[in-house]
Structure formats: C-alpha cells, structure tokens
Amino acid sequence: MFLKLWGWYRNCLTSHPLKTQVISSGFLWGAGDIGAQYVTHSTAIKRLQCTDKEAEFRINWKRVAITSAFGLGFVGPVGHFWYENLDKFIRLRLKLTPKSARFVAAKVAADSIIFGPLDLLVFFTYMGFSTGKNAAQVKEDVKRDFLPSLALEGGIWPLVQVANFRYVPVQYQLLYVNFFCLIDSAFLSWVEQQKDAPWKQWFKSVQILKEKGGQGRL
C-alpha cells in the first residue's frame, strides 16, 4: 500500500511538481492543525475538569481550512521554488560541492536566516487577518508569538535541515519538510491558540527590557 502510494506521489511530482507540492502542503498543514486543536482541547479538559459532554472533542473545520490554505497558498508554492533555487544558488554561484559540510552548512544558514523567520511572520500575520482581526491586533499577536516561536524552532529546524540537505534529493526536500511541518503546523497553531500564556511573557519582558535599554543609550 505504502509503495503504491509512494509511486503515485513520485509520478505526480514528475508530471506536476508545483501542483503536487502545493496540494501535499495544504493537506499536511490542515492535518497538523487538527492535531493542535486536539492537544489544546485535551490540555484544557485536564486543567478545567470539564463534564463528559464538555469534554467531547469537536474539530473546528473553519480553522482547519484557514490553516490548510496557508499550506496551499504559501508553504507549497514558496517552498517549492525556495528549495530548488537555494540548491542552484549554493551549487552554481557559491560553487560548493553538493552534500559537503560547507554546502549543507550554507543551506542550513540560509534557510534559518531567511525562510524560517519569513514563514513564521507570514503565518502569524495571515492567521490574525483570517480570523477577522485588524492591523493593530495582528501586530500585537505577531509581537507576542513571533519571538517565542523563533526561539523554540531555532533549536529544532537546523537539525532537521542538516539531514534534509545532506541526504534528501532536491525534488523531495519540500516533502521531507512537510512531514515535519505536520508537527510544526500543530506547534504553531498551538502557539497561536495559547494567547497570552505565562511562558510567552518571559520573551515579552526580555523584548521590553531591550527596548528600554536602547532608549537609555539615546
């Protein structure tokens, strides 16, 4: 079954690479959001000790559709061109040997500095506007969620990408990333649903201290 599915995917990727990447990204991000909803629901049930009726898990399909659209509209198309062009740039412009330590390190650095922060920024901005918030509210959400997410993901994604850039062929690198995005989308959705959780306040307090320190030097 798995081999047939894999063969079908490879054929689709060969015939329609962009379309295949877009659809698979949308599906996996939607699935990840369902996971995030379940984790958030289960955590709330344990904390609040709800009744059996209140404890019943119901999927918010509107939110799933919104998150899936992010995979379809951003991660799929942007990721498709990002990984292809990143590989060409490192090989042809920087002239680094494919799969060498410097080659992998350059890719990981570029991905961590450019694509990672951009992905987070677009995600939180998109999720804010898609749920009906105004620009000021979205700005506050981004300030609240961006730095904690970047810090937590910064310790994980570089390790994931080392294996990706070292062992996975370019045409399958977005698929590899998308499988981890199944977890990542659940994580980001969970972060977004945490609102002003206490653990976020630490990052916010650090940011405020830095801003005050900068003003003090003026």
N, C-alpha and C. Protein backbone atom coordinates (compact mmCIF):
# COMPACT_ATOMS: atom_id res chain seq x y z
N MET A 1 0.83 -1.20 0.00
CA MET A 1 0.00 0.00 0.00
C MET A 1 0.87 1.26 0.00
N PHE A 2 1.84 1.27 0.91
CA PHE A 2 2.72 2.43 1.01
C PHE A 2 3.53 2.61 -0.27
N LEU A 3 4.03 1.50 -0.82
CA LEU A 3 4.84 1.58 -2.04
C LEU A 3 4.01 2.09 -3.22
N LYS A 4 2.75 1.68 -3.28
CA LYS A 4 1.87 2.17 -4.34
C LYS A 4 1.62 3.67 -4.19
N LEU A 5 1.39 4.08 -2.95
CA LEU A 5 1.15 5.50 -2.67
C LEU A 5 2.39 6.32 -3.00
N TRP A 6 3.56 5.79 -2.63
CA TRP A 6 4.81 6.48 -2.91
C TRP A 6 5.06 6.57 -4.42
N GLY A 7 4.77 5.49 -5.13
CA GLY A 7 4.93 5.50 -6.58
C GLY A 7 4.00 6.50 -7.24
N TRP A 8 2.77 6.56 -6.74
CA TRP A 8 1.79 7.53 -7.27
C TRP A 8 2.26 8.95 -7.01
N TYR A 9 2.79 9.19 -5.81
CA TYR A 9 3.28 10.54 -5.48
C TYR A 9 4.45 10.93 -6.37
N ARG A 10 5.36 10.01 -6.59
CA ARG A 10 6.52 10.30 -7.44
C ARG A 10 6.09 10.62 -8.87
N ASN A 11 5.11 9.90 -9.37
CA ASN A 11 4.60 10.17 -10.71
C ASN A 11 3.96 11.56 -10.78
N CYS A 12 3.19 11.89 -9.75
CA CYS A 12 2.56 13.21 -9.70
C CYS A 12 3.62 14.31 -9.61
N LEU A 13 4.66 14.05 -8.82
CA LEU A 13 5.72 15.04 -8.65
C LEU A 13 6.48 15.25 -9.95
N THR A 14 6.65 14.19 -10.71
CA THR A 14 7.34 14.29 -12.00
C THR A 14 6.49 15.04 -13.02
N SER A 15 5.19 14.72 -13.04
CA SER A 15 4.29 15.32 -14.03
C SER A 15 3.86 16.74 -13.66
N HIS A 16 3.56 16.94 -12.39
CA HIS A 16 3.06 18.24 -11.93
C HIS A 16 3.76 18.62 -10.62
N PRO A 17 5.03 18.99 -10.67
CA PRO A 17 5.79 19.24 -9.44
C PRO A 17 5.20 20.32 -8.54
N LEU A 18 4.87 21.46 -9.10
CA LEU A 18 4.35 22.56 -8.28
C LEU A 18 2.99 22.22 -7.69
N LYS A 19 2.10 21.71 -8.53
CA LYS A 19 0.75 21.37 -8.06
C LYS A 19 0.81 20.31 -6.96
N THR A 20 1.68 19.33 -7.13
CA THR A 20 1.81 18.25 -6.13
C THR A 20 2.32 18.79 -4.80
N GLN A 21 3.31 19.67 -4.87
CA GLN A 21 3.86 20.26 -3.65
C GLN A 21 2.82 21.11 -2.93
N VAL A 22 2.05 21.86 -3.70
CA VAL A 22 1.03 22.74 -3.12
C VAL A 22 -0.05 21.93 -2.42
N ILE A 23 -0.57 20.90 -3.09
CA ILE A 23 -1.65 20.10 -2.52
C ILE A 23 -1.19 19.34 -1.29
N SER A 24 -0.01 18.74 -1.36
CA SER A 24 0.50 17.99 -0.21
C SER A 24 0.76 18.91 0.98
N SER A 25 1.23 20.12 0.71
CA SER A 25 1.46 21.09 1.79
C SER A 25 0.15 21.47 2.47
N GLY A 26 -0.87 21.73 1.66
CA GLY A 26 -2.17 22.10 2.22
C GLY A 26 -2.75 20.99 3.07
N PHE A 27 -2.63 19.76 2.60
CA PHE A 27 -3.17 18.61 3.34
C PHE A 27 -2.45 18.44 4.68
N LEU A 28 -1.13 18.49 4.66
CA LEU A 28 -0.37 18.25 5.88
C LEU A 28 -0.53 19.38 6.90
N TRP A 29 -0.63 20.61 6.43
CA TRP A 29 -0.84 21.72 7.37
C TRP A 29 -2.23 21.65 7.99
N GLY A 30 -3.21 21.24 7.21
CA GLY A 30 -4.55 21.06 7.76
C GLY A 30 -4.58 19.96 8.80
N ALA A 31 -3.91 18.85 8.51
CA ALA A 31 -3.84 17.74 9.46
C ALA A 31 -3.12 18.17 10.73
N GLY A 32 -2.08 18.98 10.57
CA GLY A 32 -1.36 19.47 11.74
C GLY A 32 -2.21 20.35 12.63
N ASP A 33 -3.09 21.13 12.02
CA ASP A 33 -3.97 21.99 12.82
C ASP A 33 -4.98 21.17 13.62
N ILE A 34 -5.45 20.08 13.03
CA ILE A 34 -6.35 19.19 13.78
C ILE A 34 -5.62 18.65 15.01
N GLY A 35 -4.36 18.29 14.82
CA GLY A 35 -3.55 17.83 15.95
C GLY A 35 -3.41 18.91 17.01
N ALA A 36 -3.20 20.15 16.57
CA ALA A 36 -3.06 21.26 17.52
C ALA A 36 -4.35 21.49 18.29
N GLN A 37 -5.47 21.40 17.59
CA GLN A 37 -6.76 21.57 18.26
C GLN A 37 -6.98 20.49 19.32
N TYR A 38 -6.58 19.27 18.98
CA TYR A 38 -6.77 18.17 19.93
C TYR A 38 -5.90 18.35 21.17
N VAL A 39 -4.64 18.75 20.94
CA VAL A 39 -3.73 18.97 22.07
C VAL A 39 -4.24 20.10 22.96
N THR A 40 -4.67 21.19 22.35
CA THR A 40 -5.20 22.32 23.11
C THR A 40 -6.45 21.93 23.89
N HIS A 41 -7.33 21.17 23.24
CA HIS A 41 -8.57 20.72 23.87
C HIS A 41 -8.27 19.79 25.06
N SER A 42 -7.38 18.85 24.84
CA SER A 42 -7.05 17.89 25.90
C SER A 42 -6.42 18.58 27.11
N THR A 43 -5.56 19.56 26.83
CA THR A 43 -4.91 20.31 27.91
C THR A 43 -5.95 21.09 28.72
N ALA A 44 -6.89 21.71 28.01
CA ALA A 44 -7.93 22.49 28.69
C ALA A 44 -8.83 21.60 29.53
N ILE A 45 -9.15 20.42 29.02
CA ILE A 45 -10.02 19.49 29.74
C ILE A 45 -9.38 19.06 31.06
N LYS A 46 -8.10 18.74 31.00
CA LYS A 46 -7.40 18.32 32.21
C LYS A 46 -7.31 19.45 33.22
N ARG A 47 -7.13 20.67 32.73
CA ARG A 47 -6.96 21.81 33.63
C ARG A 47 -8.29 22.24 34.26
N LEU A 48 -9.36 22.21 33.46
CA LEU A 48 -10.65 22.71 33.92
C LEU A 48 -11.56 21.64 34.50
N GLN A 49 -11.20 20.36 34.28
CA GLN A 49 -12.00 19.24 34.77
C GLN A 49 -13.46 19.36 34.30
N CYS A 50 -13.65 19.38 33.00
CA CYS A 50 -14.97 19.56 32.41
C CYS A 50 -15.80 18.28 32.49
N THR A 51 -17.11 18.43 32.24
CA THR A 51 -18.01 17.28 32.21
C THR A 51 -17.77 16.48 30.93
N ASP A 52 -18.37 15.28 30.87
CA ASP A 52 -18.19 14.42 29.69
C ASP A 52 -18.66 15.10 28.42
N LYS A 53 -19.79 15.82 28.51
CA LYS A 53 -20.33 16.49 27.34
C LYS A 53 -19.40 17.61 26.88
N GLU A 54 -18.89 18.36 27.85
CA GLU A 54 -17.97 19.46 27.53
C GLU A 54 -16.63 18.93 27.05
N ALA A 55 -16.30 17.71 27.47
CA ALA A 55 -15.00 17.13 27.12
C ALA A 55 -14.97 16.56 25.71
N GLU A 56 -16.12 16.48 25.06
CA GLU A 56 -16.16 15.93 23.71
C GLU A 56 -15.38 16.82 22.75
N PHE A 57 -14.50 16.20 21.98
CA PHE A 57 -13.65 16.95 21.05
C PHE A 57 -14.38 17.17 19.73
N ARG A 58 -14.49 18.43 19.34
CA ARG A 58 -15.10 18.78 18.06
C ARG A 58 -14.10 19.58 17.23
N ILE A 59 -13.89 19.14 16.03
CA ILE A 59 -12.93 19.81 15.15
C ILE A 59 -13.52 21.12 14.63
N ASN A 60 -12.73 22.16 14.73
CA ASN A 60 -13.10 23.46 14.15
C ASN A 60 -12.66 23.44 12.69
N TRP A 61 -13.58 23.06 11.81
CA TRP A 61 -13.22 22.88 10.40
C TRP A 61 -12.88 24.20 9.72
N LYS A 62 -13.45 25.29 10.21
CA LYS A 62 -13.11 26.59 9.64
C LYS A 62 -11.63 26.89 9.87
N ARG A 63 -11.17 26.61 11.08
CA ARG A 63 -9.76 26.84 11.40
C ARG A 63 -8.86 25.90 10.59
N VAL A 64 -9.30 24.66 10.42
CA VAL A 64 -8.54 23.70 9.61
C VAL A 64 -8.40 24.22 8.18
N ALA A 65 -9.51 24.74 7.64
CA ALA A 65 -9.49 25.27 6.27
C ALA A 65 -8.55 26.47 6.16
N ILE A 66 -8.57 27.33 7.18
CA ILE A 66 -7.70 28.51 7.17
C ILE A 66 -6.23 28.10 7.20
N THR A 67 -5.91 27.15 8.07
CA THR A 67 -4.52 26.70 8.19
C THR A 67 -4.09 25.94 6.95
N SER A 68 -4.99 25.12 6.42
CA SER A 68 -4.69 24.39 5.19
C SER A 68 -4.42 25.34 4.03
N ALA A 69 -5.17 26.44 4.00
CA ALA A 69 -4.98 27.44 2.95
C ALA A 69 -3.60 28.07 3.03
N PHE A 70 -3.06 28.16 4.25
CA PHE A 70 -1.70 28.68 4.40
C PHE A 70 -0.70 27.74 3.74
N GLY A 71 -0.91 26.44 3.94
CA GLY A 71 -0.05 25.46 3.28
C GLY A 71 -0.18 25.51 1.77
N LEU A 72 -1.42 25.65 1.31
CA LEU A 72 -1.68 25.72 -0.13
C LEU A 72 -1.13 26.99 -0.76
N GLY A 73 -1.35 28.11 -0.08
CA GLY A 73 -1.03 29.40 -0.69
C GLY A 73 0.37 29.91 -0.45
N PHE A 74 1.01 29.44 0.63
CA PHE A 74 2.35 29.95 0.93
C PHE A 74 3.41 28.86 0.97
N VAL A 75 3.25 27.91 1.88
CA VAL A 75 4.30 26.90 2.07
C VAL A 75 4.55 26.10 0.80
N GLY A 76 3.47 25.66 0.14
CA GLY A 76 3.63 24.85 -1.06
C GLY A 76 4.37 25.57 -2.18
N PRO A 77 3.82 26.67 -2.69
CA PRO A 77 4.49 27.35 -3.82
C PRO A 77 5.82 27.99 -3.45
N VAL A 78 5.87 28.67 -2.31
CA VAL A 78 7.11 29.34 -1.92
C VAL A 78 8.19 28.31 -1.59
N GLY A 79 7.80 27.26 -0.86
CA GLY A 79 8.77 26.22 -0.53
C GLY A 79 9.31 25.51 -1.76
N HIS A 80 8.44 25.29 -2.73
CA HIS A 80 8.85 24.62 -3.98
C HIS A 80 9.98 25.39 -4.66
N PHE A 81 9.78 26.69 -4.84
CA PHE A 81 10.79 27.49 -5.53
C PHE A 81 11.99 27.79 -4.62
N TRP A 82 11.75 27.88 -3.32
CA TRP A 82 12.84 28.17 -2.39
C TRP A 82 13.90 27.06 -2.42
N TYR A 83 13.49 25.82 -2.28
CA TYR A 83 14.46 24.73 -2.20
C TYR A 83 15.16 24.49 -3.53
N GLU A 84 14.44 24.66 -4.62
CA GLU A 84 15.08 24.50 -5.94
C GLU A 84 16.12 25.58 -6.18
N ASN A 85 15.75 26.83 -5.94
CA ASN A 85 16.65 27.94 -6.21
C ASN A 85 17.78 28.04 -5.20
N LEU A 86 17.51 27.64 -3.96
CA LEU A 86 18.57 27.63 -2.96
C LEU A 86 19.66 26.65 -3.37
N ASP A 87 19.25 25.49 -3.84
CA ASP A 87 20.22 24.48 -4.28
C ASP A 87 21.05 24.99 -5.46
N LYS A 88 20.39 25.63 -6.42
CA LYS A 88 21.10 26.16 -7.58
C LYS A 88 22.07 27.27 -7.17
N PHE A 89 21.64 28.12 -6.27
CA PHE A 89 22.49 29.23 -5.84
C PHE A 89 23.75 28.73 -5.13
N ILE A 90 23.57 27.78 -4.22
CA ILE A 90 24.72 27.26 -3.47
C ILE A 90 25.68 26.51 -4.40
N ARG A 91 25.12 25.76 -5.35
CA ARG A 91 25.97 24.97 -6.26
C ARG A 91 26.64 25.82 -7.32
N LEU A 92 25.86 26.69 -7.96
CA LEU A 92 26.36 27.40 -9.13
C LEU A 92 27.00 28.75 -8.81
N ARG A 93 26.46 29.46 -7.85
CA ARG A 93 27.01 30.78 -7.53
C ARG A 93 28.12 30.69 -6.49
N LEU A 94 27.88 29.93 -5.44
CA LEU A 94 28.92 29.78 -4.42
C LEU A 94 29.91 28.67 -4.75
N LYS A 95 29.52 27.83 -5.72
CA LYS A 95 30.38 26.75 -6.22
C LYS A 95 30.86 25.82 -5.10
N LEU A 96 29.92 25.43 -4.25
CA LEU A 96 30.24 24.49 -3.19
C LEU A 96 29.86 23.08 -3.63
N THR A 97 30.65 22.11 -3.20
CA THR A 97 30.41 20.72 -3.58
C THR A 97 29.15 20.19 -2.91
N PRO A 98 28.19 19.67 -3.71
CA PRO A 98 26.95 19.14 -3.13
C PRO A 98 27.21 18.11 -2.04
N LYS A 99 26.45 18.24 -0.95
CA LYS A 99 26.47 17.34 0.20
C LYS A 99 27.74 17.45 1.05
N SER A 100 28.62 18.39 0.70
CA SER A 100 29.79 18.62 1.55
C SER A 100 29.35 19.36 2.81
N ALA A 101 30.23 19.41 3.80
CA ALA A 101 29.89 20.08 5.06
C ALA A 101 29.59 21.56 4.84
N ARG A 102 30.39 22.23 4.01
CA ARG A 102 30.17 23.65 3.74
C ARG A 102 28.88 23.87 2.96
N PHE A 103 28.58 22.97 2.05
CA PHE A 103 27.36 23.05 1.24
C PHE A 103 26.13 22.95 2.15
N VAL A 104 26.12 21.96 3.02
CA VAL A 104 24.99 21.76 3.93
C VAL A 104 24.88 22.92 4.91
N ALA A 105 26.02 23.36 5.44
CA ALA A 105 26.01 24.47 6.40
C ALA A 105 25.48 25.75 5.77
N ALA A 106 25.86 26.01 4.53
CA ALA A 106 25.38 27.21 3.84
C ALA A 106 23.87 27.16 3.63
N LYS A 107 23.37 25.99 3.27
CA LYS A 107 21.93 25.82 3.07
C LYS A 107 21.16 26.00 4.38
N VAL A 108 21.67 25.39 5.43
CA VAL A 108 21.00 25.48 6.73
C VAL A 108 20.99 26.93 7.22
N ALA A 109 22.11 27.62 7.04
CA ALA A 109 22.20 29.02 7.47
C ALA A 109 21.20 29.88 6.70
N ALA A 110 21.15 29.71 5.38
CA ALA A 110 20.23 30.50 4.57
C ALA A 110 18.78 30.20 4.93
N ASP A 111 18.48 28.93 5.14
CA ASP A 111 17.12 28.54 5.49
C ASP A 111 16.71 29.09 6.85
N SER A 112 17.64 29.08 7.79
CA SER A 112 17.34 29.55 9.15
C SER A 112 17.21 31.06 9.22
N ILE A 113 18.00 31.76 8.41
CA ILE A 113 18.02 33.22 8.46
C ILE A 113 16.92 33.84 7.60
N ILE A 114 16.60 33.19 6.48
CA ILE A 114 15.65 33.79 5.53
C ILE A 114 14.27 33.13 5.59
N PHE A 115 14.22 31.85 5.24
CA PHE A 115 12.91 31.21 5.09
C PHE A 115 12.21 30.98 6.42
N GLY A 116 12.95 30.56 7.44
CA GLY A 116 12.34 30.28 8.73
C GLY A 116 11.61 31.48 9.33
N PRO A 117 12.30 32.61 9.52
CA PRO A 117 11.62 33.80 10.06
C PRO A 117 10.49 34.30 9.17
N LEU A 118 10.69 34.23 7.84
CA LEU A 118 9.64 34.67 6.92
C LEU A 118 8.39 33.81 7.07
N ASP A 119 8.59 32.51 7.18
CA ASP A 119 7.48 31.58 7.34
C ASP A 119 6.67 31.90 8.60
N LEU A 120 7.36 32.16 9.69
CA LEU A 120 6.68 32.49 10.94
C LEU A 120 5.94 33.82 10.85
N LEU A 121 6.59 34.80 10.27
CA LEU A 121 5.98 36.13 10.15
C LEU A 121 4.71 36.07 9.31
N VAL A 122 4.79 35.38 8.18
CA VAL A 122 3.62 35.27 7.30
C VAL A 122 2.51 34.46 7.99
N PHE A 123 2.89 33.39 8.69
CA PHE A 123 1.89 32.54 9.34
C PHE A 123 1.08 33.33 10.37
N PHE A 124 1.75 34.00 11.29
CA PHE A 124 1.03 34.70 12.35
C PHE A 124 0.25 35.91 11.80
N THR A 125 0.79 36.56 10.78
CA THR A 125 0.07 37.68 10.16
C THR A 125 -1.18 37.17 9.46
N TYR A 126 -1.01 36.12 8.69
CA TYR A 126 -2.14 35.53 7.96
C TYR A 126 -3.22 35.02 8.91
N MET A 127 -2.82 34.30 9.95
CA MET A 127 -3.79 33.76 10.89
C MET A 127 -4.57 34.87 11.59
N GLY A 128 -3.89 35.97 11.87
CA GLY A 128 -4.57 37.09 12.51
C GLY A 128 -5.63 37.71 11.62
N PHE A 129 -5.25 38.05 10.39
CA PHE A 129 -6.21 38.67 9.47
C PHE A 129 -7.33 37.71 9.08
N SER A 130 -7.01 36.43 8.95
CA SER A 130 -8.02 35.46 8.52
C SER A 130 -9.08 35.22 9.59
N THR A 131 -8.78 35.55 10.83
CA THR A 131 -9.76 35.40 11.90
C THR A 131 -10.48 36.71 12.22
N GLY A 132 -10.29 37.72 11.36
CA GLY A 132 -11.06 38.95 11.49
C GLY A 132 -10.42 40.04 12.33
N LYS A 133 -9.16 39.90 12.67
CA LYS A 133 -8.51 40.92 13.49
C LYS A 133 -8.05 42.08 12.62
N ASN A 134 -7.93 43.26 13.24
CA ASN A 134 -7.44 44.42 12.49
C ASN A 134 -5.92 44.48 12.55
N ALA A 135 -5.35 45.46 11.85
CA ALA A 135 -3.89 45.53 11.73
C ALA A 135 -3.21 45.69 13.08
N ALA A 136 -3.79 46.50 13.96
CA ALA A 136 -3.19 46.72 15.28
C ALA A 136 -3.18 45.44 16.11
N GLN A 137 -4.28 44.70 16.05
CA GLN A 137 -4.36 43.43 16.79
C GLN A 137 -3.38 42.40 16.24
N VAL A 138 -3.27 42.36 14.92
CA VAL A 138 -2.34 41.42 14.29
C VAL A 138 -0.90 41.76 14.68
N LYS A 139 -0.60 43.04 14.72
CA LYS A 139 0.75 43.47 15.11
C LYS A 139 1.08 43.00 16.53
N GLU A 140 0.12 43.13 17.43
CA GLU A 140 0.33 42.69 18.81
C GLU A 140 0.50 41.17 18.89
N ASP A 141 -0.29 40.44 18.08
CA ASP A 141 -0.17 38.99 18.06
C ASP A 141 1.21 38.55 17.56
N VAL A 142 1.68 39.23 16.52
CA VAL A 142 3.00 38.90 15.97
C VAL A 142 4.09 39.18 17.01
N LYS A 143 3.98 40.31 17.69
CA LYS A 143 4.95 40.65 18.73
C LYS A 143 4.92 39.63 19.86
N ARG A 144 3.74 39.10 20.14
CA ARG A 144 3.58 38.14 21.23
C ARG A 144 4.08 36.75 20.85
N ASP A 145 3.84 36.33 19.60
CA ASP A 145 4.08 34.94 19.21
C ASP A 145 5.36 34.70 18.42
N PHE A 146 5.84 35.73 17.71
CA PHE A 146 6.96 35.52 16.78
C PHE A 146 8.25 35.10 17.49
N LEU A 147 8.66 35.88 18.47
CA LEU A 147 9.94 35.61 19.13
C LEU A 147 9.96 34.27 19.87
N PRO A 148 8.91 33.93 20.65
CA PRO A 148 8.92 32.61 21.30
C PRO A 148 9.00 31.46 20.31
N SER A 149 8.25 31.58 19.21
CA SER A 149 8.26 30.52 18.20
C SER A 149 9.61 30.41 17.52
N LEU A 150 10.20 31.55 17.20
CA LEU A 150 11.50 31.56 16.54
C LEU A 150 12.57 30.94 17.44
N ALA A 151 12.50 31.26 18.73
CA ALA A 151 13.48 30.72 19.68
C ALA A 151 13.34 29.21 19.83
N LEU A 152 12.10 28.74 19.95
CA LEU A 152 11.88 27.30 20.13
C LEU A 152 12.19 26.51 18.86
N GLU A 153 11.78 27.05 17.72
CA GLU A 153 12.03 26.34 16.46
C GLU A 153 13.50 26.42 16.06
N GLY A 154 14.18 27.47 16.51
CA GLY A 154 15.58 27.63 16.15
C GLY A 154 16.48 26.52 16.69
N GLY A 155 15.99 25.82 17.70
CA GLY A 155 16.78 24.72 18.24
C GLY A 155 16.47 23.38 17.60
N ILE A 156 15.44 23.35 16.75
CA ILE A 156 14.99 22.09 16.16
C ILE A 156 15.21 22.04 14.65
N TRP A 157 14.73 23.07 13.95
CA TRP A 157 14.76 23.03 12.49
C TRP A 157 16.16 22.91 11.88
N PRO A 158 17.17 23.57 12.42
CA PRO A 158 18.51 23.38 11.82
C PRO A 158 18.95 21.92 11.81
N LEU A 159 18.61 21.17 12.87
CA LEU A 159 18.96 19.74 12.91
C LEU A 159 18.18 18.96 11.87
N VAL A 160 16.90 19.30 11.72
CA VAL A 160 16.07 18.66 10.71
C VAL A 160 16.62 18.92 9.31
N GLN A 161 17.04 20.15 9.08
CA GLN A 161 17.50 20.54 7.75
C GLN A 161 18.89 20.01 7.42
N VAL A 162 19.70 19.74 8.42
CA VAL A 162 21.01 19.13 8.15
C VAL A 162 20.80 17.78 7.45
N ALA A 163 19.91 16.97 7.99
CA ALA A 163 19.61 15.67 7.38
C ALA A 163 18.96 15.86 6.01
N ASN A 164 18.10 16.85 5.90
CA ASN A 164 17.40 17.11 4.64
C ASN A 164 18.39 17.46 3.53
N PHE A 165 19.23 18.43 3.78
CA PHE A 165 20.16 18.91 2.76
C PHE A 165 21.31 17.94 2.49
N ARG A 166 21.57 17.06 3.44
CA ARG A 166 22.67 16.12 3.26
C ARG A 166 22.24 14.85 2.52
N TYR A 167 21.02 14.37 2.80
CA TYR A 167 20.64 13.05 2.30
C TYR A 167 19.45 13.03 1.33
N VAL A 168 18.62 14.07 1.34
CA VAL A 168 17.39 14.03 0.55
C VAL A 168 17.58 14.75 -0.79
N PRO A 169 17.20 14.11 -1.91
CA PRO A 169 17.28 14.79 -3.22
C PRO A 169 16.42 16.05 -3.22
N VAL A 170 16.83 17.04 -4.01
CA VAL A 170 16.17 18.35 -4.01
C VAL A 170 14.67 18.24 -4.25
N GLN A 171 14.26 17.38 -5.18
CA GLN A 171 12.84 17.31 -5.53
C GLN A 171 11.97 16.77 -4.40
N TYR A 172 12.61 16.12 -3.41
CA TYR A 172 11.84 15.58 -2.28
C TYR A 172 12.05 16.37 -0.99
N GLN A 173 12.83 17.44 -1.06
CA GLN A 173 13.14 18.17 0.17
C GLN A 173 11.93 18.86 0.77
N LEU A 174 11.04 19.39 -0.06
CA LEU A 174 9.84 20.02 0.49
C LEU A 174 8.91 18.97 1.10
N LEU A 175 8.83 17.80 0.49
CA LEU A 175 8.02 16.72 1.07
C LEU A 175 8.55 16.34 2.44
N TYR A 176 9.87 16.20 2.53
CA TYR A 176 10.52 15.90 3.81
C TYR A 176 10.16 16.97 4.85
N VAL A 177 10.28 18.23 4.43
CA VAL A 177 9.95 19.34 5.33
C VAL A 177 8.47 19.30 5.71
N ASN A 178 7.62 18.97 4.73
CA ASN A 178 6.18 18.96 5.00
C ASN A 178 5.79 17.90 6.03
N PHE A 179 6.49 16.78 6.06
CA PHE A 179 6.19 15.78 7.07
C PHE A 179 6.52 16.33 8.46
N PHE A 180 7.61 17.05 8.56
CA PHE A 180 7.93 17.69 9.84
C PHE A 180 6.98 18.87 10.09
N CYS A 181 6.47 19.46 9.00
CA CYS A 181 5.50 20.54 9.16
C CYS A 181 4.18 20.03 9.72
N LEU A 182 3.95 18.73 9.58
CA LEU A 182 2.77 18.14 10.21
C LEU A 182 2.83 18.38 11.71
N ILE A 183 4.04 18.27 12.25
CA ILE A 183 4.26 18.56 13.67
C ILE A 183 4.39 20.07 13.88
N ASP A 184 5.09 20.72 12.95
CA ASP A 184 5.34 22.15 13.09
C ASP A 184 4.05 22.96 13.01
N SER A 185 3.15 22.57 12.10
CA SER A 185 1.89 23.29 11.99
C SER A 185 1.06 23.11 13.24
N ALA A 186 1.14 21.91 13.82
CA ALA A 186 0.46 21.69 15.10
C ALA A 186 1.06 22.57 16.18
N PHE A 187 2.38 22.68 16.17
CA PHE A 187 3.07 23.52 17.16
C PHE A 187 2.70 24.99 16.99
N LEU A 188 2.76 25.49 15.75
CA LEU A 188 2.46 26.90 15.51
C LEU A 188 1.00 27.23 15.81
N SER A 189 0.11 26.31 15.43
CA SER A 189 -1.30 26.52 15.74
C SER A 189 -1.52 26.54 17.25
N TRP A 190 -0.80 25.66 17.94
CA TRP A 190 -0.89 25.60 19.40
C TRP A 190 -0.37 26.91 20.02
N VAL A 191 0.76 27.40 19.50
CA VAL A 191 1.32 28.66 19.99
C VAL A 191 0.33 29.80 19.79
N GLU A 192 -0.29 29.83 18.60
CA GLU A 192 -1.24 30.90 18.28
C GLU A 192 -2.46 30.83 19.19
N GLN A 193 -2.86 29.61 19.55
CA GLN A 193 -4.04 29.45 20.41
C GLN A 193 -3.74 29.69 21.88
N GLN A 194 -2.46 29.77 22.24
CA GLN A 194 -2.09 29.97 23.64
C GLN A 194 -2.29 31.41 24.12
N LYS A 195 -2.53 32.32 23.17
CA LYS A 195 -2.77 33.72 23.50
C LYS A 195 -1.64 34.27 24.39
N ASP A 196 -2.01 34.81 25.57
CA ASP A 196 -1.01 35.40 26.47
C ASP A 196 -0.59 34.42 27.56
N ALA A 197 -0.18 33.25 27.16
CA ALA A 197 0.26 32.24 28.13
C ALA A 197 1.46 32.76 28.92
N PRO A 198 1.60 32.35 30.19
CA PRO A 198 2.69 32.85 31.04
C PRO A 198 4.08 32.65 30.43
N TRP A 199 4.29 31.51 29.74
CA TRP A 199 5.63 31.25 29.21
C TRP A 199 6.00 32.24 28.10
N LYS A 200 4.99 32.85 27.46
CA LYS A 200 5.28 33.86 26.44
C LYS A 200 5.70 35.19 27.07
N GLN A 201 5.23 35.42 28.27
CA GLN A 201 5.50 36.70 28.92
C GLN A 201 6.99 36.91 29.16
N TRP A 202 7.72 35.79 29.34
CA TRP A 202 9.16 35.91 29.56
C TRP A 202 9.84 36.54 28.35
N PHE A 203 9.47 36.06 27.15
CA PHE A 203 10.04 36.62 25.93
C PHE A 203 9.64 38.08 25.76
N LYS A 204 8.40 38.38 26.13
CA LYS A 204 7.91 39.75 26.00
C LYS A 204 8.66 40.68 26.95
N SER A 205 8.93 40.20 28.17
CA SER A 205 9.64 41.01 29.14
C SER A 205 11.07 41.28 28.70
N VAL A 206 11.70 40.27 28.07
CA VAL A 206 13.05 40.45 27.54
C VAL A 206 13.06 41.51 26.46
N GLN A 207 12.05 41.46 25.58
CA GLN A 207 11.95 42.43 24.50
C GLN A 207 11.76 43.84 25.04
N ILE A 208 10.94 43.98 26.08
CA ILE A 208 10.70 45.30 26.69
C ILE A 208 11.98 45.84 27.31
N LEU A 209 12.72 44.96 27.99
CA LEU A 209 13.98 45.38 28.61
C LEU A 209 14.99 45.85 27.57
N LYS A 210 15.02 45.15 26.43
CA LYS A 210 15.93 45.56 25.35
C LYS A 210 15.54 46.92 24.80
N GLU A 211 14.22 47.13 24.64
CA GLU A 211 13.76 48.42 24.12
C GLU A 211 14.09 49.55 25.09
N LYS A 212 13.92 49.29 26.39
CA LYS A 212 14.25 50.31 27.39
C LYS A 212 15.75 50.58 27.41
N GLY A 213 16.53 49.50 27.25
CA GLY A 213 17.98 49.67 27.23
C GLY A 213 18.43 50.49 26.05
N GLY A 214 17.77 50.27 24.90
CA GLY A 214 18.10 51.03 23.71
C GLY A 214 17.76 52.50 23.86
N GLN A 215 16.63 52.78 24.52
CA GLN A 215 16.22 54.17 24.74
C GLN A 215 17.16 54.86 25.71
N GLY A 216 17.68 54.07 26.68
CA GLY A 216 18.57 54.65 27.67
C GLY A 216 19.90 55.09 27.09
N ARG A 217 20.29 54.47 25.96
CA ARG A 217 21.56 54.83 25.34
C ARG A 217 21.44 56.01 24.41
N LEU A 218 20.18 56.41 24.13
CA LEU A 218 19.99 57.55 23.22
C LEU A 218 20.27 58.88 23.91
